[in-house]
Every structure is written in structure tokens, then in C-alpha cells.
Amino acid sequence: MVIKSINLETVCGITSTLPDNRLPEIAFAGKSNVGKSSLINALMNRKSYARISATPGKTQTINFYNINEELYLVDLPGYGYARVSEKEKKEWGRLVERYLHSSKKLKAVFLLIDVRHDPSANDKLMYEWIVSQGYQPIIIATKLDKIKRSQKEKQLKAVRQGLGLPSGTVVIPFSSVTKQGKDEIWELVETKVLDRKEASVSDENEF
């Protein structure tokens, strides 16, 4: 995917009206601090366009990034952050639920799981909830650079078993440091979402 233009077009809080977009949308879900902003920055070939923070729970809105006037990357609020009040958690949950229910252009949901650990109870609940909304999430196993190569297959197996993934579910190992997995994600988006027969993942992103 050659990145020609990026625009943070819409930011929606708990009381915001969600946009009625005309372009396909790809949403990214995951617990707080799992690396959603780092992933989105890597996909956009930017270092800090999506705000990254060491403080979990920083993304409290749904952010719509317009890419090339072709599609939207949609950053959903993180879940499972203990220091957020129960009221805030419920409000964020309702915001995400409202988006999943109302979006007419949502084509795929990526669920990010920290490859270093077995999926948490919140991860399992989110996976099951996304499935119940009619989507089959694509799993991205983040922070791949934080484990040894010899641990990779074991940890990926733990992710599959922990979530109870059906056979054939796509799991993409990803590292925001080495960018491993970025091309695979874009290839999937281009072929499955944009319906391109030949993905251009080998092309260099433009600035």
C-alpha cells in the first residue's frame, strides 16, 4: 500500500454523532497498552501520527484516519484498564457497541493480543463479543520483538487456544519495532477489503 495521504478526519467521544462514511472502514480493537497506536502508525508509515502514550487508557475516543481517500483505519478505545472508573468503562463500551452496530462501511475488525501473555478474560470477552456482532476478527499478535524467536510458535499457539479460535482464523504476528507483519496486514486489507487482485505490499510508502 503506497501511502499518499493521511487525515485524522473524525474524532468521536461518548456523546458524538458517528460519521456516515462513504469509504470502507477497518477497525482495531485491543486492551489498553497492547500497541494499537504503534500498529496504526506503522501501517501509516508514520512515527507519531497516532498518539502513543506510556499511560494505558489514553485513547478515549474513536479516531477515524482517512488513508488515500480510499479507506479508514478506525482506532477504538482500549479496554480493561483498571484505573478507569466503572462508569467510564461502560461509556466506552457503549461507544464501541454503538459503532459496531451502526457502521455501514465496517469491513473488518482486527483484534490485538499481546503475544507475550495468554489472552486475558477481557480479551476473551472482546473476541466473543465481536463474533456475536457478526464479525470474524482477524487476530494481530503484538509485541513480537519482546519474545525470543524460539518462543514464537508456543506463544501463538497459546493465543489461539486461549481465545478458542476456530480453524482457519488468521493470526498475524506483529512488531512495531521491526515492522514484521505490516505487509501481511496491508495485503489482507487490499485483497479482502479493497478487492484488489494483486496487493502492492512490496511498494515503498510515500511521504
Protein backbone atom coordinates (compact mmCIF):
# COMPACT_ATOMS: atom_id res chain seq x y z
CA MET A 1 0.00 0.00 0.00
CA VAL A 2 1.52 3.29 -1.09
CA ILE A 3 0.55 5.89 1.49
CA LYS A 4 -0.08 9.17 -0.32
CA SER A 5 -2.30 11.00 2.17
CA ILE A 6 -3.40 10.65 5.79
CA ASN A 7 -6.03 12.68 7.59
CA LEU A 8 -7.35 12.27 11.12
CA GLU A 9 -10.78 13.15 9.82
CA THR A 10 -13.13 12.42 12.71
CA VAL A 11 -12.75 12.02 16.47
CA CYS A 12 -15.82 10.69 18.29
CA GLY A 13 -16.39 10.78 22.04
CA ILE A 14 -19.17 9.18 24.05
CA THR A 15 -21.73 11.84 23.07
CA SER A 16 -20.58 12.32 19.48
CA THR A 17 -22.58 11.51 16.38
CA LEU A 18 -20.76 8.79 14.49
CA PRO A 19 -19.87 9.65 10.89
CA ASP A 20 -21.77 8.21 7.95
CA ASN A 21 -18.67 7.46 5.90
CA ARG A 22 -18.69 6.53 2.23
CA LEU A 23 -15.37 4.64 2.30
CA PRO A 24 -14.63 1.17 3.73
CA GLU A 25 -13.62 1.05 7.40
CA ILE A 26 -11.18 -1.27 9.16
CA ALA A 27 -11.38 -1.20 12.96
CA PHE A 28 -8.68 -2.01 15.51
CA ALA A 29 -9.63 -3.23 18.99
CA GLY A 30 -7.47 -4.30 21.90
CA LYS A 31 -6.82 -3.83 25.58
CA SER A 32 -5.11 -0.70 26.83
CA ASN A 33 -1.38 -0.56 26.09
CA VAL A 34 -1.47 -3.51 23.66
CA GLY A 35 0.07 -1.33 20.93
CA LYS A 36 -2.84 -0.12 18.80
CA SER A 37 -1.41 3.34 18.21
CA SER A 38 2.02 1.88 17.39
CA LEU A 39 0.43 -0.51 14.91
CA ILE A 40 -1.58 2.22 13.22
CA ASN A 41 1.48 4.46 13.00
CA ALA A 42 3.42 1.59 11.40
CA LEU A 43 0.65 0.98 8.87
CA MET A 44 0.60 4.67 8.01
CA ASN A 45 4.41 4.75 7.86
CA ARG A 46 4.50 7.50 10.47
CA LYS A 47 6.28 7.63 13.81
CA SER A 48 3.75 9.51 15.88
CA TYR A 49 0.66 10.45 13.88
CA ALA A 50 -1.49 8.32 16.16
CA ARG A 51 -0.77 9.42 19.70
CA ILE A 52 1.27 6.94 21.72
CA SER A 53 1.40 7.10 25.50
CA ALA A 54 3.04 5.09 28.24
CA THR A 55 -0.16 5.63 30.21
CA PRO A 56 -2.75 2.93 29.48
CA GLY A 57 -6.27 4.06 28.66
CA LYS A 58 -5.15 7.15 26.77
CA THR A 59 -7.31 6.53 23.70
CA GLN A 60 -10.77 7.50 24.92
CA THR A 61 -12.30 8.27 21.56
CA ILE A 62 -12.92 6.54 18.25
CA ASN A 63 -10.44 8.01 15.78
CA PHE A 64 -11.05 7.78 12.02
CA TYR A 65 -7.91 8.04 9.86
CA ASN A 66 -8.64 8.64 6.18
CA ILE A 67 -6.00 6.86 4.09
CA ASN A 68 -5.55 7.96 0.45
CA GLU A 69 -9.28 8.79 0.22
CA GLU A 70 -9.66 5.01 -0.13
CA LEU A 71 -10.44 3.70 3.35
CA TYR A 72 -10.49 4.48 7.05
CA LEU A 73 -8.35 2.97 9.78
CA VAL A 74 -10.52 3.18 12.89
CA ASP A 75 -8.83 3.23 16.31
CA LEU A 76 -11.22 2.05 19.03
CA PRO A 77 -10.80 2.86 22.75
CA GLY A 78 -8.75 0.32 24.68
CA TYR A 79 -10.45 -1.92 27.22
CA GLY A 80 -9.54 -3.46 30.55
CA TYR A 81 -7.67 -0.54 32.11
CA ALA A 82 -8.08 -0.95 35.88
CA ARG A 83 -7.64 2.71 36.84
CA VAL A 84 -10.55 3.87 34.73
CA SER A 85 -13.82 4.14 36.65
CA GLU A 86 -16.58 1.62 36.02
CA LYS A 87 -18.73 4.44 34.67
CA GLU A 88 -16.07 5.34 32.09
CA LYS A 89 -15.60 1.70 31.11
CA LYS A 90 -19.33 1.33 30.49
CA GLU A 91 -19.43 4.56 28.48
CA TRP A 92 -16.53 3.44 26.29
CA GLY A 93 -18.17 0.03 25.89
CA ARG A 94 -21.42 1.63 24.77
CA LEU A 95 -19.50 3.85 22.35
CA VAL A 96 -17.78 0.85 20.73
CA GLU A 97 -21.03 -1.12 20.68
CA ARG A 98 -22.82 1.79 19.02
CA TYR A 99 -20.11 1.97 16.38
CA LEU A 100 -20.15 -1.76 15.61
CA HIS A 101 -23.94 -1.73 15.40
CA SER A 102 -24.32 1.40 13.29
CA SER A 103 -21.37 1.46 10.88
CA LYS A 104 -22.49 0.69 7.36
CA LYS A 105 -18.94 0.56 5.98
CA LEU A 106 -17.10 -1.59 8.54
CA LYS A 107 -15.45 -4.37 6.54
CA ALA A 108 -13.07 -5.98 9.04
CA VAL A 109 -12.18 -5.93 12.72
CA PHE A 110 -8.63 -6.57 13.88
CA LEU A 111 -8.25 -7.68 17.50
CA LEU A 112 -4.81 -7.06 19.01
CA ILE A 113 -3.46 -9.52 21.57
CA ASP A 114 -0.13 -9.20 23.42
CA VAL A 115 1.81 -12.25 22.24
CA ARG A 116 3.84 -12.35 25.48
CA HIS A 117 0.87 -13.41 27.59
CA ASP A 118 -2.07 -15.77 27.42
CA PRO A 119 -5.26 -13.91 26.40
CA SER A 120 -6.89 -12.25 29.40
CA ALA A 121 -10.50 -12.63 30.45
CA ASN A 122 -11.17 -9.23 28.85
CA ASP A 123 -9.52 -10.38 25.61
CA LYS A 124 -11.78 -13.44 25.52
CA LEU A 125 -14.87 -11.37 26.23
CA MET A 126 -13.98 -8.88 23.49
CA TYR A 127 -13.33 -11.67 20.98
CA GLU A 128 -16.63 -13.37 21.77
CA TRP A 129 -18.47 -10.05 21.69
CA ILE A 130 -17.07 -9.10 18.28
CA VAL A 131 -18.12 -12.51 16.96
CA SER A 132 -21.60 -12.00 18.42
CA GLN A 133 -21.86 -8.75 16.44
CA GLY A 134 -21.43 -10.71 13.22
CA TYR A 135 -17.71 -10.17 12.59
CA GLN A 136 -14.91 -12.75 12.50
CA PRO A 137 -11.98 -10.80 13.93
CA ILE A 138 -8.51 -11.06 12.48
CA ILE A 139 -6.01 -11.51 15.29
CA ILE A 140 -2.81 -9.47 15.46
CA ALA A 141 -0.29 -10.81 17.97
CA THR A 142 1.61 -7.67 19.01
CA LYS A 143 4.98 -7.05 20.68
CA LEU A 144 6.64 -9.89 18.78
CA ASP A 145 10.06 -8.29 19.32
CA LYS A 146 9.63 -8.74 23.08
CA ILE A 147 9.93 -12.52 22.93
CA LYS A 148 12.64 -14.86 21.70
CA ARG A 149 12.28 -16.45 18.29
CA SER A 150 12.19 -19.85 19.94
CA GLN A 151 9.07 -18.78 21.89
CA LYS A 152 7.10 -17.56 18.88
CA GLU A 153 5.19 -20.71 17.93
CA LYS A 154 4.46 -21.59 21.54
CA GLN A 155 3.02 -18.13 22.23
CA LEU A 156 0.99 -18.05 19.02
CA LYS A 157 -0.47 -21.43 19.96
CA ALA A 158 -1.35 -20.01 23.40
CA VAL A 159 -3.17 -17.11 21.72
CA ARG A 160 -5.15 -19.48 19.50
CA GLN A 161 -6.05 -21.80 22.35
CA GLY A 162 -6.74 -19.00 24.82
CA LEU A 163 -9.28 -17.37 22.52
CA GLY A 164 -10.65 -20.67 21.28
CA LEU A 165 -10.10 -19.65 17.68
CA PRO A 166 -11.77 -21.79 15.01
CA SER A 167 -9.57 -23.43 12.42
CA GLY A 168 -8.58 -21.05 9.66
CA THR A 169 -8.66 -17.87 11.76
CA VAL A 170 -5.94 -15.52 10.57
CA VAL A 171 -3.32 -14.67 13.21
CA ILE A 172 -0.62 -12.18 12.18
CA PRO A 173 2.48 -11.79 14.39
CA PHE A 174 3.45 -8.11 14.52
CA SER A 175 6.30 -5.94 15.82
CA SER A 176 6.17 -2.15 15.78
CA VAL A 177 9.98 -2.19 16.12
CA THR A 178 10.89 -4.44 13.18
CA LYS A 179 7.60 -3.82 11.28
CA GLN A 180 7.22 -7.57 10.82
CA GLY A 181 3.61 -8.27 9.92
CA LYS A 182 2.89 -4.85 8.41
CA ASP A 183 2.97 -6.07 4.82
CA GLU A 184 0.76 -9.05 5.66
CA ILE A 185 -1.84 -6.76 7.24
CA TRP A 186 -1.88 -4.42 4.24
CA GLU A 187 -2.05 -7.36 1.82
CA LEU A 188 -5.07 -8.68 3.68
CA VAL A 189 -6.72 -5.24 3.61
CA GLU A 190 -6.03 -4.75 -0.08
CA THR A 191 -7.24 -8.17 -1.20
CA LYS A 192 -10.15 -8.71 1.19
CA VAL A 193 -11.38 -5.15 1.79
CA LEU A 194 -10.40 -3.19 -1.31
CA ASP A 195 -10.88 -6.22 -3.56
CA ARG A 196 -7.57 -5.80 -5.34
CA LYS A 197 -6.37 -8.92 -7.09
CA GLU A 198 -2.71 -8.05 -6.62
CA ALA A 199 -1.59 -6.24 -3.49
CA SER A 200 1.28 -3.80 -3.75
CA VAL A 201 2.80 -4.53 -0.37
CA SER A 202 6.30 -4.50 -1.77
CA ASP A 203 5.96 -0.86 -2.78
CA GLU A 204 7.65 1.70 -0.61
CA ASN A 205 5.31 4.06 1.20
CA GLU A 206 5.47 7.64 0.05
CA PHE A 207 5.69 10.71 2.24
